[in-house]
Structure formats: C-alpha cells, structure tokens
C-alpha atoms as a PDB file:
ATOM      1  CA  MET A   1     -73.952   5.954-126.627  1.00  0.00           C
ATOM      2  CA  LYS A   2     -70.658   7.618-125.821  1.00  0.00           C
ATOM      3  CA  GLY A   3     -68.125   5.583-123.870  1.00  0.00           C
ATOM      4  CA  ARG A   4     -68.159   7.930-120.864  1.00  0.00           C
ATOM      5  CA  ASP A   5     -71.943   7.653-120.464  1.00  0.00           C
ATOM      6  CA  LEU A   6     -71.790   3.894-120.789  1.00  0.00           C
ATOM      7  CA  MET A   7     -69.161   3.625-118.067  1.00  0.00           C
ATOM      8  CA  ARG A   8     -71.218   5.823-115.742  1.00  0.00           C
ATOM      9  CA  LYS A   9     -74.200   3.516-116.159  1.00  0.00           C
ATOM     10  CA  MET A  10     -72.004   0.484-115.550  1.00  0.00           C
ATOM     11  CA  HIS A  11     -70.698   2.123-112.359  1.00  0.00           C
ATOM     12  CA  ALA A  12     -74.210   2.798-111.126  1.00  0.00           C
ATOM     13  CA  LYS A  13     -75.201  -0.816-111.730  1.00  0.00           C
ATOM     14  CA  ALA A  14     -72.126  -2.131-109.943  1.00  0.00           C
ATOM     15  CA  LEU A  15     -73.131  -0.338-106.771  1.00  0.00           C
ATOM     16  CA  ILE A  16     -76.581  -1.957-106.637  1.00  0.00           C
ATOM     17  CA  VAL A  17     -75.883  -5.162-104.737  1.00  0.00           C
ATOM     18  CA  ASN A  18     -79.463  -6.019-103.812  1.00  0.00           C
ATOM     19  CA  LYS A  19     -80.450  -6.920-107.381  1.00  0.00           C
ATOM     20  CA  PRO A  20     -79.081  -9.561-109.794  1.00  0.00           C
ATOM     21  CA  MET A  21     -76.160  -8.095-111.704  1.00  0.00           C
ATOM     22  CA  LEU A  22     -76.190  -8.475-115.476  1.00  0.00           C
ATOM     23  CA  ASN A  23     -72.933  -8.689-117.398  1.00  0.00           C
ATOM     24  CA  PRO A  24     -73.091  -5.898-120.014  1.00  0.00           C
ATOM     25  CA  SER A  25     -69.781  -5.580-121.899  1.00  0.00           C
ATOM     26  CA  LEU A  26     -68.208  -2.741-123.738  1.00  0.00           C
ATOM     27  CA  ASN A  27     -68.210  -3.251-127.485  1.00  0.00           C
ATOM     28  CA  LEU A  28     -64.504  -2.463-127.912  1.00  0.00           C
ATOM     29  CA  SER A  29     -62.244  -3.937-130.562  1.00  0.00           C
ATOM     30  CA  LEU A  30     -58.629  -4.850-129.919  1.00  0.00           C
ATOM     31  CA  ASN A  31     -57.885  -2.482-132.760  1.00  0.00           C
ATOM     32  CA  PRO A  32     -56.627   0.496-130.672  1.00  0.00           C
ATOM     33  CA  SER A  33     -58.764   2.949-132.586  1.00  0.00           C
ATOM     34  CA  LEU A  34     -60.680   4.207-129.551  1.00  0.00           C
ATOM     35  CA  ASN A  35     -60.095   7.957-129.349  1.00  0.00           C
ATOM     36  CA  PRO A  36     -58.355   8.587-125.964  1.00  0.00           C
ATOM     37  CA  SER A  37     -60.295  11.889-125.682  1.00  0.00           C
ATOM     38  CA  GLN A  38     -63.496   9.844-125.614  1.00  0.00           C
ATOM     39  CA  SER A  39     -62.172   7.379-123.021  1.00  0.00           C
ATOM     40  CA  PRO A  40     -64.385   7.012-119.937  1.00  0.00           C
ATOM     41  CA  SER A  41     -61.360   6.532-117.690  1.00  0.00           C
ATOM     42  CA  ARG A  42     -61.640   9.963-116.042  1.00  0.00           C
ATOM     43  CA  GLY A  43     -63.111   9.573-112.583  1.00  0.00           C
ATOM     44  CA  ARG A  44     -63.238   5.810-112.917  1.00  0.00           C
ATOM     45  CA  SER A  45     -61.304   3.555-110.582  1.00  0.00           C
ATOM     46  CA  LYS A  46     -58.824   1.265-112.330  1.00  0.00           C
ATOM     47  CA  THR A  47     -58.669  -0.786-109.118  1.00  0.00           C
ATOM     48  CA  ASP A  48     -62.296  -1.834-109.347  1.00  0.00           C
ATOM     49  CA  LYS A  49     -62.254  -5.594-110.017  1.00  0.00           C
ATOM     50  CA  TRP A  50     -65.808  -5.643-111.307  1.00  0.00           C
ATOM     51  CA  THR A  51     -65.217  -2.904-113.884  1.00  0.00           C
ATOM     52  CA  LYS A  52     -62.130  -4.689-115.198  1.00  0.00           C
ATOM     53  CA  THR A  53     -64.020  -7.989-115.309  1.00  0.00           C
ATOM     54  CA  GLU A  54     -66.760  -6.458-117.420  1.00  0.00           C
ATOM     55  CA  LEU A  55     -64.267  -4.842-119.791  1.00  0.00           C
ATOM     56  CA  LEU A  56     -62.446  -8.133-120.299  1.00  0.00           C
ATOM     57  CA  GLN A  57     -65.680 -10.054-120.779  1.00  0.00           C
ATOM     58  CA  GLY A  58     -66.267  -7.913-123.849  1.00  0.00           C
ATOM     59  CA  ASP A  59     -63.390  -9.706-125.645  1.00  0.00           C
ATOM     60  CA  PRO A  60     -64.588 -13.139-126.837  1.00  0.00           C
ATOM     61  CA  GLU A  61     -61.144 -14.717-126.526  1.00  0.00           C
ATOM     62  CA  LEU A  62     -60.439 -13.380-123.046  1.00  0.00           C
ATOM     63  CA  LYS A  63     -63.922 -14.335-121.860  1.00  0.00           C
ATOM     64  CA  LYS A  64     -63.024 -17.996-122.397  1.00  0.00           C
ATOM     65  CA  HIS A  65     -60.410 -17.573-119.685  1.00  0.00           C
ATOM     66  CA  LEU A  66     -62.498 -15.636-117.129  1.00  0.00           C
ATOM     67  CA  PRO A  67     -64.266 -17.596-114.366  1.00  0.00           C
ATOM     68  CA  PRO A  68     -67.996 -16.699-114.250  1.00  0.00           C
ATOM     69  CA  ALA A  69     -68.562 -13.846-111.816  1.00  0.00           C
ATOM     70  CA  GLN A  70     -71.305 -11.566-110.550  1.00  0.00           C
ATOM     71  CA  MET A  71     -71.887  -8.973-107.884  1.00  0.00           C
ATOM     72  CA  LEU A  72     -72.584 -10.423-104.426  1.00  0.00           C
ATOM     73  CA  THR A  73     -76.250 -10.861-103.458  1.00  0.00           C
ATOM     74  CA  GLU A  74     -77.778 -13.374-101.082  1.00  0.00           C
ATOM     75  CA  SER A  75     -79.719 -15.170-103.804  1.00  0.00           C
ATOM     76  CA  GLY A  76     -76.933 -14.909-106.361  1.00  0.00           C
ATOM     77  CA  LEU A  77     -74.381 -16.489-104.039  1.00  0.00           C
ATOM     78  CA  ARG A  78     -76.716 -19.385-103.226  1.00  0.00           C
ATOM     79  CA  GLU A  79     -77.292 -19.981-106.927  1.00  0.00           C
ATOM     80  CA  MET A  80     -73.582 -19.985-107.741  1.00  0.00           C
ATOM     81  CA  LEU A  81     -72.878 -22.370-104.861  1.00  0.00           C
ATOM     82  CA  GLN A  82     -75.525 -24.745-106.208  1.00  0.00           C
ATOM     83  CA  GLN A  83     -73.950 -24.587-109.657  1.00  0.00           C
ATOM     84  CA  CYS A  84     -70.231 -24.592-108.718  1.00  0.00           C
ATOM     85  CA  GLY A  85     -69.952 -25.952-105.178  1.00  0.00           C
ATOM     86  CA  MET A  86     -67.070 -23.588-104.439  1.00  0.00           C
ATOM     87  CA  VAL A  87     -66.588 -19.860-105.090  1.00  0.00           C
ATOM     88  CA  TYR A  88     -64.412 -16.988-103.998  1.00  0.00           C
ATOM     89  CA  VAL A  89     -65.945 -13.832-102.593  1.00  0.00           C
ATOM     90  CA  LYS A  90     -63.717 -10.764-103.123  1.00  0.00           C
ATOM     91  CA  PRO A  91     -63.947  -7.069-102.353  1.00  0.00           C
ATOM     92  CA  ILE A  92     -64.120  -5.188-105.674  1.00  0.00           C
ATOM     93  CA  ARG A  93     -61.441  -2.822-104.379  1.00  0.00           C
ATOM     94  CA  GLY A  94     -58.327  -3.916-102.542  1.00  0.00           C
ATOM     95  CA  SER A  95     -55.117  -5.834-103.038  1.00  0.00           C
ATOM     96  CA  GLN A  96     -52.739  -8.416-101.573  1.00  0.00           C
ATOM     97  CA  GLY A  97     -55.519 -10.939-100.977  1.00  0.00           C
ATOM     98  CA  ARG A  98     -57.069  -8.946 -98.129  1.00  0.00           C
ATOM     99  CA  GLY A  99     -60.740  -9.727 -97.508  1.00  0.00           C
ATOM    100  CA  VAL A 100     -60.883 -12.694 -99.920  1.00  0.00           C
ATOM    101  CA  MET A 101     -63.116 -15.537 -98.708  1.00  0.00           C
ATOM    102  CA  LYS A 102     -63.329 -19.096 -99.988  1.00  0.00           C
ATOM    103  CA  VAL A 103     -66.950 -20.261 -99.792  1.00  0.00           C
ATOM    104  CA  GLU A 104     -68.209 -23.828-100.188  1.00  0.00           C
ATOM    105  CA  MET A 105     -71.475 -25.752-100.146  1.00  0.00           C
ATOM    106  CA  ILE A 106     -70.748 -29.251 -98.867  1.00  0.00           C
ATOM    107  CA  GLU A 107     -73.105 -32.163 -99.301  1.00  0.00           C
ATOM    108  CA  ALA A 108     -72.978 -34.427 -96.253  1.00  0.00           C
ATOM    109  CA  LYS A 109     -75.066 -36.880 -94.205  1.00  0.00           C
ATOM    110  CA  ALA A 110     -76.310 -36.627 -90.661  1.00  0.00           C
ATOM    111  CA  ALA A 111     -78.099 -39.556 -89.068  1.00  0.00           C
ATOM    112  CA  GLY A 112     -78.282 -41.114 -92.518  1.00  0.00           C
ATOM    113  CA  ARG A 113     -80.015 -38.094 -94.030  1.00  0.00           C
ATOM    114  CA  PRO A 114     -78.469 -35.746 -96.608  1.00  0.00           C
ATOM    115  CA  VAL A 115     -77.649 -32.257 -95.345  1.00  0.00           C
ATOM    116  CA  ARG A 116     -75.970 -29.193 -96.750  1.00  0.00           C
ATOM    117  CA  ILE A 117     -73.201 -27.370 -94.935  1.00  0.00           C
ATOM    118  CA  TYR A 118     -72.269 -23.814 -95.899  1.00  0.00           C
ATOM    119  CA  ALA A 119     -68.695 -22.894 -95.012  1.00  0.00           C
ATOM    120  CA  TYR A 120     -66.252 -20.053 -95.588  1.00  0.00           C
ATOM    121  CA  GLN A 121     -62.624 -19.292 -94.822  1.00  0.00           C
ATOM    122  CA  LEU A 122     -61.108 -15.857 -94.302  1.00  0.00           C
ATOM    123  CA  GLY A 123     -57.397 -15.817 -93.500  1.00  0.00           C
ATOM    124  CA  GLU A 124     -56.904 -18.790 -91.178  1.00  0.00           C
ATOM    125  CA  LYS A 125     -60.424 -18.607 -89.739  1.00  0.00           C
ATOM    126  CA  LYS A 126     -62.952 -21.206 -90.887  1.00  0.00           C
ATOM    127  CA  ARG A 127     -66.681 -21.262 -90.092  1.00  0.00           C
ATOM    128  CA  ALA A 128     -69.468 -23.655 -91.086  1.00  0.00           C
ATOM    129  CA  PHE A 129     -73.278 -23.434 -90.824  1.00  0.00           C
ATOM    130  CA  PRO A 130     -76.170 -25.792 -91.509  1.00  0.00           C
ATOM    131  CA  VAL A 131     -78.476 -22.855 -92.312  1.00  0.00           C
ATOM    132  CA  TYR A 132     -77.791 -20.633 -95.326  1.00  0.00           C
ATOM    133  CA  LYS A 133     -79.142 -17.424 -93.809  1.00  0.00           C
ATOM    134  CA  SER A 134     -76.952 -17.767 -90.713  1.00  0.00           C
ATOM    135  CA  PHE A 135     -73.956 -18.477 -92.919  1.00  0.00           C
ATOM    136  CA  TYR A 136     -74.654 -15.424 -95.121  1.00  0.00           C
ATOM    137  CA  ARG A 137     -75.163 -13.134 -92.135  1.00  0.00           C
ATOM    138  CA  SER A 138     -71.837 -14.209 -90.655  1.00  0.00           C
ATOM    139  CA  MET A 139     -70.045 -13.705 -93.947  1.00  0.00           C
ATOM    140  CA  LEU A 140     -71.527 -10.224 -94.363  1.00  0.00           C
ATOM    141  CA  ASN A 141     -70.259  -9.303 -90.915  1.00  0.00           C
ATOM    142  CA  ASN A 142     -66.739 -10.019 -92.167  1.00  0.00           C
ATOM    143  CA  ALA A 143     -67.364  -8.002 -95.303  1.00  0.00           C
ATOM    144  CA  GLN A 144     -67.526  -4.863 -93.116  1.00  0.00           C
ATOM    145  CA  GLY A 145     -69.845  -3.010 -95.483  1.00  0.00           C
ATOM    146  CA  LYS A 146     -67.576  -3.322 -98.524  1.00  0.00           C
ATOM    147  CA  VAL A 147     -68.901  -4.151-101.994  1.00  0.00           C
ATOM    148  CA  TYR A 148     -68.023  -7.706-103.055  1.00  0.00           C
ATOM    149  CA  LEU A 149     -68.167  -9.891-106.120  1.00  0.00           C
ATOM    150  CA  VAL A 150     -68.543 -13.671-106.380  1.00  0.00           C
ATOM    151  CA  GLN A 151     -66.260 -15.629-108.699  1.00  0.00           C
ATOM    152  CA  LYS A 152     -66.437 -19.302-109.592  1.00  0.00           C
ATOM    153  CA  GLY A 153     -63.712 -21.227-107.781  1.00  0.00           C
ATOM    154  CA  ILE A 154     -60.994 -22.867-109.814  1.00  0.00           C
ATOM    155  CA  GLN A 155     -59.373 -25.977-108.319  1.00  0.00           C
ATOM    156  CA  LEU A 156     -55.733 -24.878-108.417  1.00  0.00           C
ATOM    157  CA  LEU A 157     -52.778 -27.107-109.111  1.00  0.00           C
ATOM    158  CA  LYS A 158     -50.818 -27.963-105.996  1.00  0.00           C
ATOM    159  CA  HIS A 159     -47.183 -28.146-104.892  1.00  0.00           C
ATOM    160  CA  LYS A 160     -46.617 -30.409-101.888  1.00  0.00           C
ATOM    161  CA  GLY A 161     -50.322 -30.284-101.132  1.00  0.00           C
ATOM    162  CA  ARG A 162     -50.553 -26.468-101.226  1.00  0.00           C
ATOM    163  CA  PRO A 163     -52.340 -24.641-104.071  1.00  0.00           C
ATOM    164  CA  PHE A 164     -50.425 -22.292-106.331  1.00  0.00           C
ATOM    165  CA  ASP A 165     -51.100 -19.745-109.019  1.00  0.00           C
ATOM    166  CA  ILE A 166     -49.022 -17.692-111.418  1.00  0.00           C
ATOM    167  CA  ARG A 167     -48.259 -13.949-111.367  1.00  0.00           C
ATOM    168  CA  LEU A 168     -47.614 -12.627-114.881  1.00  0.00           C
ATOM    169  CA  VAL A 169     -46.248  -9.114-115.396  1.00  0.00           C
ATOM    170  CA  VAL A 170     -47.050  -7.192-118.610  1.00  0.00           C
ATOM    171  CA  GLN A 171     -45.464  -3.794-119.279  1.00  0.00           C
ATOM    172  CA  ARG A 172     -45.434  -1.149-121.963  1.00  0.00           C
ATOM    173  CA  ALA A 173     -42.338  -1.629-124.046  1.00  0.00           C
ATOM    174  CA  PRO A 174     -39.940   1.357-124.384  1.00  0.00           C
ATOM    175  CA  ARG A 175     -40.504   1.407-128.159  1.00  0.00           C
ATOM    176  CA  GLY A 176     -44.261   0.954-127.942  1.00  0.00           C
ATOM    177  CA  GLY A 177     -46.695  -1.930-127.608  1.00  0.00           C
ATOM    178  CA  TRP A 178     -46.950  -4.413-124.734  1.00  0.00           C
ATOM    179  CA  LYS A 179     -44.578  -7.092-123.552  1.00  0.00           C
ATOM    180  CA  ALA A 180     -44.931  -9.934-121.057  1.00  0.00           C
ATOM    181  CA  THR A 181     -41.772  -9.366-119.030  1.00  0.00           C
ATOM    182  CA  ALA A 182     -41.876 -11.754-116.102  1.00  0.00           C
ATOM    183  CA  THR A 183     -43.670 -14.652-114.433  1.00  0.00           C
ATOM    184  CA  VAL A 184     -43.410 -16.276-111.029  1.00  0.00           C
ATOM    185  CA  GLY A 185     -45.216 -19.048-109.112  1.00  0.00           C
ATOM    186  CA  ARG A 186     -46.848 -18.379-105.760  1.00  0.00           C
ATOM    187  CA  VAL A 187     -47.665 -21.208-103.346  1.00  0.00           C
ATOM    188  CA  ALA A 188     -50.242 -20.528-100.635  1.00  0.00           C
ATOM    189  CA  HIS A 189     -49.395 -20.407 -96.953  1.00  0.00           C
ATOM    190  CA  PRO A 190     -50.185 -23.836 -95.446  1.00  0.00           C
ATOM    191  CA  ARG A 191     -53.192 -22.525 -93.532  1.00  0.00           C
ATOM    192  CA  LYS A 192     -54.503 -19.889 -95.972  1.00  0.00           C
ATOM    193  CA  ILE A 193     -56.477 -19.794 -99.200  1.00  0.00           C
ATOM    194  CA  VAL A 194     -54.651 -16.984-100.984  1.00  0.00           C
ATOM    195  CA  THR A 195     -51.188 -17.258-102.587  1.00  0.00           C
ATOM    196  CA  ASN A 196     -50.002 -13.660-102.120  1.00  0.00           C
ATOM    197  CA  GLY A 197     -46.478 -13.260-100.793  1.00  0.00           C
ATOM    198  CA  SER A 198     -47.806 -10.561 -98.458  1.00  0.00           C
ATOM    199  CA  GLN A 199     -50.012 -13.294 -96.915  1.00  0.00           C
ATOM    200  CA  GLY A 200     -47.054 -15.614 -96.287  1.00  0.00           C
ATOM    201  CA  GLY A 201     -46.961 -17.313 -99.668  1.00  0.00           C
ATOM    202  CA  THR A 202     -43.837 -19.060-100.965  1.00  0.00           C
ATOM    203  CA  ILE A 203     -42.224 -17.960-104.234  1.00  0.00           C
ATOM    204  CA  TYR A 204     -40.954 -20.389-106.895  1.00  0.00           C
ATOM    205  CA  PRO A 205     -39.895 -20.161-110.533  1.00  0.00           C
ATOM    206  CA  THR A 206     -43.009 -20.888-112.644  1.00  0.00           C
ATOM    207  CA  ALA A 207     -41.308 -23.579-114.721  1.00  0.00           C
ATOM    208  CA  TYR A 208     -40.250 -25.397-111.549  1.00  0.00           C
ATOM    209  CA  LEU A 209     -43.842 -25.682-110.307  1.00  0.00           C
ATOM    210  CA  LEU A 210     -45.043 -26.894-113.722  1.00  0.00           C
ATOM    211  CA  ARG A 211     -42.506 -29.725-113.919  1.00  0.00           C
ATOM    212  CA  SER A 212     -44.856 -32.162-112.163  1.00  0.00           C
ATOM    213  CA  TYR A 213     -47.672 -31.477-114.643  1.00  0.00           C
ATOM    214  CA  THR A 214     -46.118 -31.268-118.109  1.00  0.00           C
ATOM    215  CA  ASN A 215     -42.888 -31.810-120.026  1.00  0.00           C
ATOM    216  CA  GLU A 216     -40.592 -29.054-121.319  1.00  0.00           C
ATOM    217  CA  THR A 217     -42.479 -28.687-124.591  1.00  0.00           C
ATOM    218  CA  GLY A 218     -45.763 -28.399-122.728  1.00  0.00           C
ATOM    219  CA  ARG A 219     -44.339 -25.876-120.272  1.00  0.00           C
ATOM    220  CA  LEU A 220     -43.035 -23.653-123.078  1.00  0.00           C
ATOM    221  CA  ARG A 221     -46.389 -23.814-124.869  1.00  0.00           C
ATOM    222  CA  LEU A 222     -48.258 -22.956-121.648  1.00  0.00           C
ATOM    223  CA  LEU A 223     -45.965 -20.058-120.810  1.00  0.00           C
ATOM    224  CA  LYS A 224     -46.412 -18.668-124.307  1.00  0.00           C
ATOM    225  CA  GLN A 225     -50.187 -18.958-124.008  1.00  0.00           C
ATOM    226  CA  MET A 226     -50.161 -17.067-120.700  1.00  0.00           C
ATOM    227  CA  ASP A 227     -47.943 -14.348-122.210  1.00  0.00           C
ATOM    228  CA  GLN A 228     -50.412 -13.933-125.079  1.00  0.00           C
ATOM    229  CA  LEU A 229     -53.314 -13.641-122.670  1.00  0.00           C
ATOM    230  CA  GLY A 230     -51.444 -11.028-120.643  1.00  0.00           C
ATOM    231  CA  VAL A 231     -50.655  -8.900-123.684  1.00  0.00           C
ATOM    232  CA  ARG A 232     -54.242  -9.170-124.963  1.00  0.00           C
ATOM    233  CA  THR A 233     -55.511  -8.154-121.527  1.00  0.00           C
ATOM    234  CA  ALA A 234     -53.265  -5.089-121.505  1.00  0.00           C
ATOM    235  CA  GLN A 235     -54.351  -4.118-125.015  1.00  0.00           C
ATOM    236  CA  ARG A 236     -57.978  -4.386-123.986  1.00  0.00           C
ATOM    237  CA  LEU A 237     -57.757  -2.365-120.795  1.00  0.00           C
ATOM    238  CA  SER A 238     -55.510   0.283-122.308  1.00  0.00           C
ATOM    239  CA  LEU A 239     -58.306   1.226-124.713  1.00  0.00           C
ATOM    240  CA  VAL A 240     -60.271   2.550-121.748  1.00  0.00           C
ATOM    241  CA  TYR A 241     -57.324   3.352-119.439  1.00  0.00           C
ATOM    242  CA  PRO A 242     -54.655   4.705-121.813  1.00  0.00           C
ATOM    243  CA  GLY A 243     -52.484   5.824-118.901  1.00  0.00           C
ATOM    244  CA  ILE A 244     -51.651   2.341-117.610  1.00  0.00           C
ATOM    245  CA  VAL A 245     -48.044   1.198-118.134  1.00  0.00           C
ATOM    246  CA  GLU A 246     -48.008  -2.169-116.384  1.00  0.00           C
ATOM    247  CA  LEU A 247     -50.300  -4.914-115.141  1.00  0.00           C
ATOM    248  CA  GLY A 248     -49.975  -7.962-112.949  1.00  0.00           C
ATOM    249  CA  LEU A 249     -52.258 -10.879-113.843  1.00  0.00           C
ATOM    250  CA  ASP A 250     -53.049 -13.580-111.321  1.00  0.00           C
ATOM    251  CA  ILE A 251     -53.541 -16.731-113.379  1.00  0.00           C
ATOM    252  CA  ALA A 252     -54.845 -20.070-112.151  1.00  0.00           C
ATOM    253  CA  LEU A 253     -54.239 -23.354-113.918  1.00  0.00           C
ATOM    254  CA  ASP A 254     -56.921 -26.004-113.582  1.00  0.00           C
ATOM    255  CA  GLN A 255     -56.437 -29.763-113.725  1.00  0.00           C
ATOM    256  CA  GLN A 256     -56.490 -29.670-117.564  1.00  0.00           C
ATOM    257  CA  LEU A 257     -53.819 -26.914-117.498  1.00  0.00           C
ATOM    258  CA  LYS A 258     -56.226 -24.320-118.832  1.00  0.00           C
ATOM    259  CA  PRO A 259     -55.229 -20.802-117.675  1.00  0.00           C
ATOM    260  CA  TRP A 260     -57.867 -18.705-115.957  1.00  0.00           C
ATOM    261  CA  ILE A 261     -57.475 -14.978-115.269  1.00  0.00           C
ATOM    262  CA  LEU A 262     -58.421 -14.500-111.620  1.00  0.00           C
ATOM    263  CA  GLU A 263     -57.495 -10.866-111.200  1.00  0.00           C
ATOM    264  CA  VAL A 264     -55.754  -8.039-112.998  1.00  0.00           C
ATOM    265  CA  ASN A 265     -53.744  -5.583-110.877  1.00  0.00           C
ATOM    266  CA  ASN A 266     -52.766  -2.212-112.314  1.00  0.00           C
ATOM    267  CA  ARG A 267     -50.234  -1.573-109.531  1.00  0.00           C
ATOM    268  CA  PRO A 268     -48.550  -4.973-109.215  1.00  0.00           C
ATOM    269  CA  ASP A 269     -46.088  -5.702-106.404  1.00  0.00           C
ATOM    270  CA  HIS A 270     -42.821  -6.903-107.891  1.00  0.00           C
ATOM    271  CA  CYS A 271     -41.265  -7.999-104.576  1.00  0.00           C
ATOM    272  CA  PRO A 272     -41.704 -11.746-105.286  1.00  0.00           C
ATOM    273  CA  PHE A 273     -39.176 -11.495-108.124  1.00  0.00           C
ATOM    274  CA  THR A 274     -36.471 -10.424-105.676  1.00  0.00           C
ATOM    275  CA  LEU A 275     -36.700 -13.925-104.140  1.00  0.00           C
ATOM    276  CA  LEU A 276     -35.782 -15.752-107.312  1.00  0.00           C
ATOM    277  CA  GLU A 277     -32.224 -16.957-107.766  1.00  0.00           C
ATOM    278  CA  ASP A 278     -32.333 -15.862-111.412  1.00  0.00           C
ATOM    279  CA  GLN A 279     -32.654 -12.051-111.294  1.00  0.00           C
ATOM    280  CA  SER A 280     -32.909 -11.495-115.065  1.00  0.00           C
ATOM    281  CA  MET A 281     -36.714 -10.996-114.968  1.00  0.00           C
ATOM    282  CA  LEU A 282     -36.407  -8.490-112.099  1.00  0.00           C
ATOM    283  CA  ARG A 283     -33.829  -6.515-114.059  1.00  0.00           C
ATOM    284  CA  ARG A 284     -36.146  -6.484-117.066  1.00  0.00           C
ATOM    285  CA  ILE A 285     -39.084  -5.275-114.939  1.00  0.00           C
ATOM    286  CA  ILE A 286     -36.969  -2.451-113.569  1.00  0.00           C
ATOM    287  CA  ARG A 287     -35.658  -1.500-117.020  1.00  0.00           C
ATOM    288  CA  TYR A 288     -39.141  -1.382-118.545  1.00  0.00           C
ATOM    289  CA  GLY A 289     -40.498   0.420-115.493  1.00  0.00           C
ATOM    290  CA  LYS A 290     -37.793   3.076-115.624  1.00  0.00           C
ATOM    291  CA  ALA A 291     -38.651   3.727-119.287  1.00  0.00           C
ATOM    292  CA  ASN A 292     -42.218   4.377-118.121  1.00  0.00           C
ATOM    293  CA  GLY A 293     -41.234   6.632-115.239  1.00  0.00           C
ATOM    294  CA  LYS A 294     -41.610   3.979-112.533  1.00  0.00           C
ATOM    295  CA  ILE A 295     -39.423   3.645-109.430  1.00  0.00           C
ATOM    296  CA  TYR A 296     -39.906   0.530-107.290  1.00  0.00           C
ATOM    297  CA  ARG A 297     -39.398  -0.007-103.564  1.00  0.00           C
ATOM    298  CA  LEU A 298     -38.822  -3.731-103.387  1.00  0.00           C
ATOM    299  CA  ARG A 299     -39.151  -4.807 -99.780  1.00  0.00           C
ATOM    300  CA  CYS A 300     -40.486  -8.297 -99.123  1.00  0.00           C
ATOM    301  CA  LYS A 301     -41.328  -8.846 -95.481  1.00  0.00           C
ATOM    302  CA  LYS A 302     -43.633 -11.846 -95.468  1.00  0.00           C
ATOM    303  CA  ALA A 303     -43.079 -13.789 -98.706  1.00  0.00           C
ATOM    304  CA  LYS A 304     -40.817 -16.823 -98.477  1.00  0.00           C
ATOM    305  CA  ARG A 305     -38.249 -18.141-100.963  1.00  0.00           C
ATOM    306  CA  GLY A 306     -38.986 -21.634-102.198  1.00  0.00           C
ATOM    307  CA  LEU A 307     -35.627 -22.503-103.803  1.00  0.00           C
END
C-alpha cells in the first residue's frame, strides 16, 4: 500500500471516536530512504497529536518512551483509568496546554464501604463525581466538540512541590542532519496541571532542576539520552513531513528518571529561553532558525523566570 493511501486510512480511523482505536504504525525505517514524492504529508496536519503518536510508535526504540495512548471513548477512558489510575485527556489539535485535562480514578471509603471517585481538572477548575457517566458527561461538555486522545499519566518530578517537565528543541543543522540545540525546565503554575509558560509556568535551567535527583555524571547522561531521543524523533517524523525544520519535545521524567515523550510540537515557542540567564542556547536557536528561513517573535507575557 502506498504511503499516501495508508495515511488517509489512518486519518479516517482517527476521526471515529465512538469505537476502540487500534494503534497501527507506519512501517518506516530510520534510514531516510523514503522517497519525498511518495510522502503522505500533503493535506495532512502536522499538528495532529494522534498522527504523530502513531508515527512515533512505529519506531521500536521511541515506542519505549511513549506513554500508552488511544483516542477518547467512554469505555476506553474507563478502562485506562482502571489500569493507570491517572491519565491526561488532550485535544489532538492545539498548543500551549489549552484544553488539557488531568483525569483520576480515586479509591476511597464512605461509611466504611469502598467507593470510586472520578475527578478531572481543567485549568484551575476541579470537579469530582461518584458516578462515571455523570463525570464523563461533564468532561465532554468541557471538550466543546473537539476530538481528544487519552494518554497514560506520568508522575512528574517536582520542584518545591510543583511538577516540572523538560522542553527540548531539535533543529535542522545548517549543513544537514538534525541537532538538539536547547533544553529548558518548566515548572507548573501552583494551581495548574500543565507546565507551559503561557499558562503561568516558571522557567529554570534543566540542569538546575535535576540537581536534586542525580549527580553531575547522571545529569550529563540523562541530557545526552534526551538529545538522542529528540534527534531520533525528528528523523522519524521528517520521513513523512520532509518540510519540518524544527521540533519542540515535551519530555517528562518519572521517579526512575526515565524520559517519556509527552508531545511533539512542530512550531515550538522559544520564548522560555529568553528568561534564562545564560543566553547561549537562545542564540543557537536563532542561528539555526535563520539558516532555515525562520524569524522569531520572542515575547513572553505569562511565563516567569525561576532564577
């Protein structure tokens, strides 16, 4: 089957949210031998989180670092909550953490009897329900008709009691190939579940946030591992989307310091790097971007500087 036909079928499946969603993957090699003229990227949205998830799942090494995910259905969400306890529900299109919900199934006791509470948080708003159908109906009202996916929740590392993740930037090098050019830590707003600077997150150097969890040798090894994941991700996606020149990976670290790729953004916001005291990474981003025809408007209105 030609790549374009395969992507059309994947797109059709992704829009059917009333049935369980299988995880077919594209049989692509990291050997960039895919003929760009056969690429299915025409007419396909590079901002579709589900499409990118499926493409990355096709790489055995990257799949190890992808939280399990599926399209949102009533029965599928209940099953994932029973398996994971906590998940994130995200619109398949969108950016800056808008519309992302943290969903939990909490085991509790009432009058000495075990009960289940279903809860979700969107922005600063939290709601909880003893009945699953009521919970799901309320959550759908907040979805406003958009198509969502469900992703297993990763318990993020914390800084001063607030969860944080890592933004890794990967860009096409001026002389060819891909290069991990910058990384920054993002600490969530005290009352929110997302770490985005546009949602009031606080920006820190990545190495500073990792100091409490590993020594210098461990930090360097972890940063190198994330760089390798970022480059491999770019290589994978560029087989289908040869026009991309930069990516921003949102990477979570679990309690064992394993990196998990939460999202891949093909139009990353570089504003957080303006808040770092060391501006060398920002200069490198701009230099690589200029070589690829990019001009950045770096205006940070809501993100806060941590140091």
